[in-house]
Protein backbone atom coordinates (compact mmCIF):
# COMPACT_ATOMS: atom_id res chain seq x y z
CA MET A 1 4.74 -15.03 2.01
CA ASP A 2 7.78 -12.79 2.90
CA GLN A 3 9.35 -13.64 -0.12
CA LEU A 4 6.42 -12.83 -2.22
CA ARG A 5 5.87 -9.34 -0.42
CA LYS A 6 9.49 -8.64 -0.82
CA CYS A 7 9.01 -9.44 -4.60
CA LEU A 8 5.89 -7.18 -5.00
CA LYS A 9 7.80 -4.29 -3.12
CA GLU A 10 11.31 -4.25 -4.57
CA SER A 11 10.82 -5.85 -8.17
CA ASN A 12 11.38 -3.21 -11.02
CA ASN A 13 9.62 -5.16 -13.60
CA VAL A 14 5.63 -4.29 -13.69
CA LYS A 15 5.25 -7.51 -15.58
CA ILE A 16 6.50 -9.62 -13.12
CA LYS A 17 4.26 -7.76 -10.47
CA THR A 18 1.40 -7.91 -12.48
CA TYR A 19 1.94 -11.66 -12.69
CA TYR A 20 1.91 -12.40 -8.97
CA ILE A 21 -1.09 -9.77 -8.24
CA THR A 22 -3.15 -11.84 -11.17
CA LEU A 23 -2.04 -15.31 -9.44
CA ILE A 24 -2.87 -13.71 -5.73
CA VAL A 25 -6.73 -12.31 -7.25
CA ALA A 26 -7.26 -14.93 -9.18
CA TRP A 27 -6.47 -17.69 -6.34
CA PHE A 28 -9.03 -15.56 -3.85
CA SER A 29 -11.55 -15.27 -6.52
CA THR A 30 -11.34 -19.12 -7.17
CA LEU A 31 -11.69 -20.14 -3.60
CA LEU A 32 -14.85 -17.57 -3.26
CA SER A 33 -16.39 -19.27 -6.70
CA MET A 34 -15.80 -22.76 -4.71
CA VAL A 35 -17.62 -21.66 -1.61
CA ALA A 36 -20.46 -20.09 -3.88
CA ASP A 37 -20.88 -23.00 -6.11
CA TYR A 38 -20.95 -25.40 -3.06
CA LEU A 39 -23.63 -23.61 -1.28
CA GLN A 40 -25.59 -23.52 -4.92
CA GLY A 41 -25.41 -27.25 -4.88
CA PHE A 42 -22.81 -27.72 -8.11
CA SER A 43 -21.60 -31.11 -8.52
CA ALA A 44 -18.28 -32.30 -6.89
CA ARG A 45 -16.67 -32.30 -10.42
CA VAL A 46 -16.73 -28.57 -10.54
CA LEU A 47 -15.53 -28.19 -7.13
CA ILE A 48 -12.52 -30.83 -8.04
CA LEU A 49 -12.00 -28.47 -11.23
CA LEU A 50 -12.08 -25.45 -8.80
CA ALA A 51 -9.42 -27.09 -6.12
CA VAL A 52 -7.15 -28.42 -8.80
CA GLY A 53 -7.18 -24.59 -10.16
CA MET A 54 -6.08 -23.37 -7.13
CA VAL A 55 -3.35 -26.02 -6.37
CA ILE A 56 -2.30 -25.30 -9.75
CA MET A 57 -1.89 -21.47 -9.03
CA LEU A 58 -0.18 -22.11 -5.73
CA LEU A 59 2.38 -24.24 -7.06
CA LEU A 60 2.88 -21.66 -10.10
CA MET A 61 3.36 -19.21 -7.32
CA ILE A 62 6.02 -21.44 -5.13
CA PHE A 63 7.90 -22.64 -8.22
CA SER A 64 8.17 -18.55 -9.87
CA LEU A 65 9.36 -17.21 -6.54
CA LYS A 66 11.96 -19.93 -6.20
CA TYR A 67 12.91 -20.29 -9.74
CA HIS A 68 11.87 -17.11 -11.35
CA ILE A 69 10.08 -18.78 -14.04
CA GLU A 70 7.18 -15.77 -14.24
CA ASN A 71 7.32 -15.63 -18.11
CA ILE A 72 6.83 -19.70 -18.32
CA GLY A 73 4.44 -19.26 -15.61
CA SER A 74 2.29 -16.81 -17.30
CA HIS A 75 2.00 -19.01 -20.25
CA ILE A 76 0.95 -22.20 -18.26
CA LEU A 77 -1.72 -20.27 -16.55
CA VAL A 78 -3.43 -18.62 -19.39
CA TYR A 79 -3.13 -22.04 -21.40
CA LEU A 80 -4.29 -24.22 -18.74
CA PHE A 81 -7.03 -22.04 -17.52
CA ASN A 82 -8.38 -20.83 -20.98
CA VAL A 83 -7.99 -23.86 -22.84
CA VAL A 84 -8.47 -26.83 -20.32
CA LEU A 85 -10.24 -25.65 -16.81
CA PHE A 86 -12.54 -22.77 -18.09
CA PRO A 87 -14.19 -24.72 -20.88
CA GLU A 88 -14.72 -27.93 -18.83
CA LEU A 89 -16.28 -26.28 -16.20
CA PHE A 90 -18.47 -24.35 -18.42
CA LEU A 91 -19.70 -27.77 -19.66
CA GLN A 92 -20.12 -29.25 -15.93
CA SER A 93 -21.73 -26.12 -14.51
CA GLY A 94 -24.53 -25.37 -16.81
CA GLY A 95 -23.31 -24.15 -19.99
CA VAL A 96 -24.75 -21.11 -21.29
CA SER A 97 -27.36 -20.87 -18.17
CA SER A 98 -24.49 -20.15 -16.37
CA GLY A 99 -22.31 -17.32 -15.78
CA MET A 100 -19.07 -18.83 -16.89
CA VAL A 101 -19.49 -16.63 -20.08
CA LEU A 102 -18.22 -13.42 -17.83
CA ILE A 103 -15.34 -15.60 -16.40
CA PHE A 104 -14.32 -16.43 -20.37
CA ILE A 105 -14.07 -12.54 -21.10
CA VAL A 106 -12.37 -12.00 -17.64
CA SER A 107 -9.67 -14.93 -18.71
CA LEU A 108 -9.29 -12.92 -22.27
CA ALA A 109 -8.31 -9.67 -20.58
CA VAL A 110 -5.88 -11.33 -18.10
CA THR A 111 -4.43 -12.75 -21.29
CA ALA A 112 -3.83 -9.06 -22.73
CA VAL A 113 -2.08 -8.38 -19.69
CA LEU A 114 0.30 -11.27 -18.63
CA LEU A 115 1.42 -11.89 -22.39
CA GLU A 116 3.32 -9.73 -24.85
CA GLY A 117 3.62 -9.35 -28.68
CA LYS A 118 3.18 -12.44 -30.92
CA PHE A 119 2.82 -14.53 -27.75
CA ARG A 120 -0.53 -12.33 -26.81
CA VAL A 121 -1.75 -12.77 -30.04
CA ILE A 122 -1.06 -16.75 -30.42
CA ALA A 123 -2.56 -17.34 -26.81
CA TYR A 124 -5.68 -15.05 -27.70
CA LEU A 125 -6.43 -17.06 -30.80
CA ILE A 126 -6.00 -20.50 -29.59
CA SER A 127 -8.22 -19.59 -26.26
CA ILE A 128 -11.19 -17.52 -28.17
CA VAL A 129 -11.03 -20.57 -30.59
CA MET A 130 -11.51 -23.11 -27.61
CA MET A 131 -14.03 -21.05 -26.04
CA GLU A 132 -15.96 -20.41 -29.20
CA TYR A 133 -16.10 -24.54 -29.56
CA THR A 134 -17.09 -25.35 -26.26
CA ILE A 135 -20.07 -22.92 -26.67
CA ILE A 136 -20.99 -24.37 -30.13
CA TYR A 137 -20.30 -27.99 -28.19
CA SER A 138 -22.70 -27.43 -25.42
CA TYR A 139 -25.36 -26.33 -28.22
CA ARG A 140 -24.95 -29.54 -30.36
CA ALA A 141 -24.62 -31.87 -27.49
CA GLN A 142 -27.62 -30.70 -25.39
CA ASP A 143 -28.29 -33.85 -23.98
CA LYS A 144 -24.83 -34.00 -22.25
CA ILE A 145 -25.13 -30.62 -20.76
CA THR A 146 -27.28 -30.01 -17.48
CA LEU A 147 -28.78 -26.56 -17.82
CA LEU A 148 -29.95 -24.52 -14.64
CA SER A 149 -33.33 -23.58 -13.88
CA TYR A 150 -34.02 -19.82 -14.65
CA LYS A 151 -33.78 -19.45 -10.68
CA ASP A 152 -30.34 -21.02 -10.34
CA SER A 153 -29.22 -19.47 -13.59
CA VAL A 154 -30.02 -15.94 -12.22
CA VAL A 155 -28.04 -16.42 -9.10
CA ASP A 156 -25.36 -17.81 -10.67
CA TYR A 157 -25.16 -14.89 -13.08
CA VAL A 158 -25.21 -12.55 -9.83
CA ILE A 159 -22.44 -14.50 -7.74
CA THR A 160 -20.32 -14.67 -10.91
CA LEU A 161 -21.02 -11.24 -11.49
CA LEU A 162 -19.89 -10.44 -8.52
CA VAL A 163 -16.88 -12.26 -8.13
CA VAL A 164 -15.71 -11.18 -11.65
CA SER A 165 -16.09 -7.82 -10.80
CA VAL A 166 -14.29 -7.97 -7.52
CA THR A 167 -11.47 -9.71 -9.54
CA VAL A 168 -11.31 -7.29 -12.37
CA VAL A 169 -11.19 -4.33 -9.69
CA CYS A 170 -8.82 -5.91 -7.67
CA ILE A 171 -6.71 -6.79 -10.44
CA MET A 172 -6.49 -3.36 -12.42
CA THR A 173 -6.00 -1.63 -8.80
CA ALA A 174 -2.96 -3.59 -8.41
CA ILE A 175 -1.67 -3.44 -11.58
CA LEU A 176 -2.14 0.58 -11.79
CA ARG A 177 -0.62 0.99 -8.45
CA ALA A 178 2.23 -1.19 -9.53
CA TYR A 179 2.63 1.27 -12.51
CA ASP A 180 2.44 4.30 -10.40
CA GLU A 181 5.32 3.05 -8.16
CA GLU A 182 7.04 1.90 -11.22
CA LYS A 183 6.84 5.38 -12.84
CA GLU A 184 7.32 7.49 -9.77
CA LYS A 185 10.74 5.40 -9.27
CA THR A 186 11.41 5.91 -12.85
CA ASP A 187 10.69 9.83 -12.80
CA GLU A 188 13.01 10.04 -9.71
CA LEU A 189 15.58 8.07 -11.51
CA ASN A 190 15.63 10.47 -14.44
CA LYS A 191 15.42 13.40 -12.05
CA ARG A 192 18.43 12.10 -10.59
CA LEU A 193 20.19 11.53 -13.75
CA THR A 194 19.35 14.97 -14.63
CA GLU A 195 21.01 16.33 -11.50
CA LEU A 196 24.25 14.21 -12.17
CA SER A 197 24.53 15.49 -15.63
CA VAL A 198 24.11 19.17 -14.59
CA LYS A 199 25.42 19.42 -10.98
CA ASP A 200 28.85 18.90 -9.19
CA GLU A 201 28.44 15.72 -7.02
CA LEU A 202 30.56 16.85 -3.86
CA SER A 203 29.71 20.35 -3.65
CA GLY A 204 25.55 20.04 -5.09
CA LEU A 205 26.20 23.06 -7.24
CA TYR A 206 25.86 23.53 -10.87
CA ASN A 207 28.79 22.42 -12.94
CA ARG A 208 30.84 24.34 -15.50
CA ARG A 209 29.03 23.19 -18.45
CA GLU A 210 25.52 24.11 -16.69
CA LEU A 211 27.17 27.35 -15.92
CA PHE A 212 28.25 28.38 -19.64
CA ARG A 213 24.89 26.97 -20.86
CA ARG A 214 22.84 29.50 -18.45
CA LEU A 215 25.28 32.28 -19.57
CA ASP A 216 25.00 31.54 -22.94
CA VAL A 217 21.20 31.88 -22.79
CA ILE A 218 21.73 35.28 -21.08
CA TYR A 219 23.99 36.38 -23.82
CA ASP A 220 21.61 35.14 -26.24
CA CYS A 221 18.79 37.62 -24.81
CA ALA A 222 18.74 41.02 -26.00
CA VAL A 223 19.90 43.84 -23.88
CA GLY A 224 16.74 45.57 -22.24
CA SER A 225 14.71 42.77 -22.17
CA LYS A 226 12.53 41.96 -19.39
CA VAL A 227 12.93 38.53 -18.96
CA PRO A 228 15.13 37.13 -16.14
CA SER A 229 17.67 36.05 -18.76
CA SER A 230 18.71 39.16 -19.67
CA ARG A 231 22.20 40.84 -19.21
CA GLN A 232 20.87 44.14 -17.96
CA ASP A 233 20.88 43.52 -14.37
CA CYS A 234 23.31 40.43 -14.32
CA TYR A 235 26.58 40.27 -12.83
CA ILE A 236 29.25 37.46 -12.63
CA ALA A 237 31.03 36.62 -9.36
CA MET A 238 33.95 34.23 -9.48
CA PHE A 239 35.41 33.53 -6.22
CA ASP A 240 38.40 31.04 -5.03
CA ILE A 241 39.24 29.64 -1.70
CA ASP A 242 42.31 31.35 -0.60
CA ASN A 243 45.23 29.16 0.80
CA PHE A 244 42.98 25.88 -0.12
CA LYS A 245 46.18 23.98 -0.96
CA SER A 246 47.56 24.72 2.38
CA ILE A 247 44.32 23.31 3.97
CA ASN A 248 44.35 20.37 2.22
CA ASP A 249 48.12 19.52 3.16
CA THR A 250 47.51 20.74 6.58
CA TYR A 251 44.12 19.02 7.79
CA GLY A 252 43.74 16.06 5.01
CA HIS A 253 41.80 16.06 1.82
CA GLN A 254 38.80 14.91 4.02
CA PHE A 255 38.38 18.08 5.74
CA GLY A 256 39.39 19.81 2.51
CA ASP A 257 36.03 18.52 0.98
CA GLU A 258 34.08 19.76 3.94
CA VAL A 259 35.39 22.97 3.35
CA LEU A 260 34.35 22.91 -0.07
CA SER A 261 30.65 21.49 0.42
CA THR A 262 30.30 24.20 3.14
CA ILE A 263 31.43 27.15 1.16
CA ALA A 264 29.33 25.84 -1.64
CA HIS A 265 26.29 25.84 0.49
CA VAL A 266 26.78 29.38 1.43
CA LEU A 267 27.00 30.23 -2.24
CA MET A 268 24.01 28.36 -2.95
CA GLU A 269 22.07 30.03 0.05
CA HIS A 270 22.80 33.38 -1.64
CA ALA A 271 21.85 32.24 -5.21
CA PRO A 272 18.10 31.90 -5.52
CA GLU A 273 17.22 30.38 -8.88
CA LYS A 274 13.67 31.69 -8.78
CA GLU A 275 15.21 34.95 -9.16
CA GLY A 276 16.89 34.13 -12.12
CA GLU A 277 20.41 33.40 -10.27
CA LEU A 278 22.71 30.53 -9.90
CA ALA A 279 25.84 29.36 -8.02
CA ALA A 280 28.37 26.62 -9.61
CA ARG A 281 31.47 25.07 -9.28
CA TYR A 282 34.08 26.37 -11.83
CA GLY A 283 36.87 24.05 -10.93
CA GLY A 284 38.63 22.70 -8.14
CA GLU A 285 38.46 25.34 -5.25
CA GLU A 286 37.04 27.90 -7.70
CA PHE A 287 33.18 29.16 -8.05
CA VAL A 288 30.97 31.17 -10.05
CA ASN A 289 27.51 32.97 -8.80
CA ILE A 290 25.51 34.48 -11.30
CA ILE A 291 23.64 37.37 -9.58
CA ARG A 292 20.73 39.92 -10.30
CA ALA A 293 21.27 43.07 -8.73
CA LYS A 294 19.90 46.76 -9.52
CA ASP A 295 23.35 48.20 -9.99
CA GLN A 296 27.32 47.60 -9.44
CA GLU A 297 27.00 48.94 -5.98
CA HIS A 298 24.24 46.59 -5.08
CA ALA A 299 26.06 43.79 -6.43
CA LEU A 300 29.22 44.57 -4.57
CA GLU A 301 27.34 44.44 -1.37
CA ARG A 302 25.73 41.25 -1.87
CA VAL A 303 29.23 39.97 -3.09
CA GLU A 304 30.63 41.09 0.20
CA GLU A 305 27.92 39.74 2.23
CA ILE A 306 28.85 36.31 1.15
CA ARG A 307 32.71 36.87 1.99
CA LYS A 308 31.99 38.05 5.21
CA GLU A 309 29.69 35.01 6.19
CA ILE A 310 32.41 32.74 4.90
CA GLU A 311 35.21 34.10 6.99
CA ASP A 312 32.75 33.73 9.76
CA LEU A 313 32.31 30.30 9.52
CA LYS A 314 33.41 28.15 12.53
CA TRP A 315 35.18 24.49 11.78
CA GLU A 316 34.61 22.10 14.81
CA GLU A 317 37.34 20.30 13.69
CA VAL A 318 39.90 23.38 13.77
CA PRO A 319 37.94 25.93 15.76
CA ASP A 320 40.80 28.45 15.31
CA LEU A 321 40.76 28.17 11.44
CA THR A 322 39.12 30.98 9.41
CA VAL A 323 38.80 30.30 5.86
CA THR A 324 38.59 33.04 3.21
CA ILE A 325 37.91 33.86 -0.16
CA SER A 326 38.68 36.35 -2.69
CA GLY A 327 36.84 37.02 -5.71
CA GLY A 328 36.36 39.15 -8.76
CA LEU A 329 32.68 40.81 -10.05
CA ALA A 330 31.96 42.00 -13.38
CA SER A 331 28.84 43.21 -15.09
CA CYS A 332 27.57 41.20 -17.72
CA GLU A 333 25.91 44.45 -19.57
CA LYS A 334 29.20 45.83 -19.96
CA TYR A 335 30.36 43.02 -22.42
CA GLU A 336 28.83 42.08 -25.93
CA GLU A 337 31.04 38.61 -25.65
CA LEU A 338 30.67 35.86 -22.71
CA ARG A 339 34.24 34.92 -23.45
CA MET A 340 35.66 38.52 -22.41
CA ALA A 341 33.32 38.74 -19.39
CA MET A 342 34.79 35.64 -18.36
CA HIS A 343 38.44 36.55 -19.25
CA ASP A 344 37.80 39.86 -17.27
CA VAL A 345 36.10 38.66 -13.83
CA ASP A 346 38.98 35.87 -13.67
CA ALA A 347 41.46 38.64 -13.83
CA LEU A 348 39.73 40.65 -11.34
CA LEU A 349 39.91 37.74 -9.19
CA TYR A 350 43.64 37.10 -9.11
CA LYS A 351 44.12 40.54 -8.69
CA ALA A 352 42.12 40.24 -5.27
CA LYS A 353 44.33 37.37 -4.36
CA HIS A 354 47.45 39.40 -5.46
CA GLU A 355 46.77 42.44 -3.43
CA GLY A 356 46.19 40.63 -0.08
CA LYS A 357 43.26 38.21 -0.66
CA ASN A 358 40.30 37.86 1.45
CA ARG A 359 38.83 40.85 -0.67
CA ILE A 360 36.42 41.48 -3.42
CA GLN A 361 37.73 43.36 -7.02
CA ALA A 362 35.13 44.72 -8.94
């Protein structure tokens, strides 16, 4: 039972989940039918056939879990029941006067669920031919079929309809739940893959490729546009961690990675995407923020706020250490080409480093 529960929970294959769900629901439905048929006074042959069906389903489940033969098990389940057991049960339990026709319909639907492609078509054709033949045979050999009385027929239809409806609802509910779980996993994986394609793994910031994609969008938008991608209120801030090589050499690369990720978090906090802003890792210990501000003075205030917040950071492993950044700030509106804007903001950054570090050059 634990192995079955694990399979249903961890399997990424909806088809496999559907197979086991069908087995479980069909087994309990058969048990319910056997109890109902016993109470109705059906022959021992009918009860034995139902019992055989339950044993076969149980063995299929055991061998499938042990040897992973779910595909073979699906074919065995379909053909054994549709071609052998159900037609025989139809003849033994009253033919057209019983509710077996309802079970025929459900079994054909299960065939469509369990099998795929040409195997589904072949199984359907064989099953429907066998079922039609069985019904015609029951008409031509009426002397060999014991029809139920009108009262017993009504009772059998009521019980069969109940069993069939419960079976269908349980199977479809379980299948839809399995599909939803699979879809959720797929959506989560796709989201993760998308993040990996546009974000830097260490810092969690957008990568250089996504940065330039966003900047291209900004530069493709006409100046003066009111949409968030316009250059009118857009500024590019480029930062570099001061003396980062020395930090790595002195305290190790693991601590250096902690410094990178902590500073990245600060930059991310100061670049709300809903406002059309963005924080990206440009490369190594360099970062770029796209900032929205009403004017150059406002943009510089925001960048200075970032610089001071990073300067005030405390490091548990090295309490006396102060990490600083230098930066350059350029207005996108002043440049017709993105290439020139990036060139100049990079030059401003290195001017800030040359003039003493821990400062912003605009």
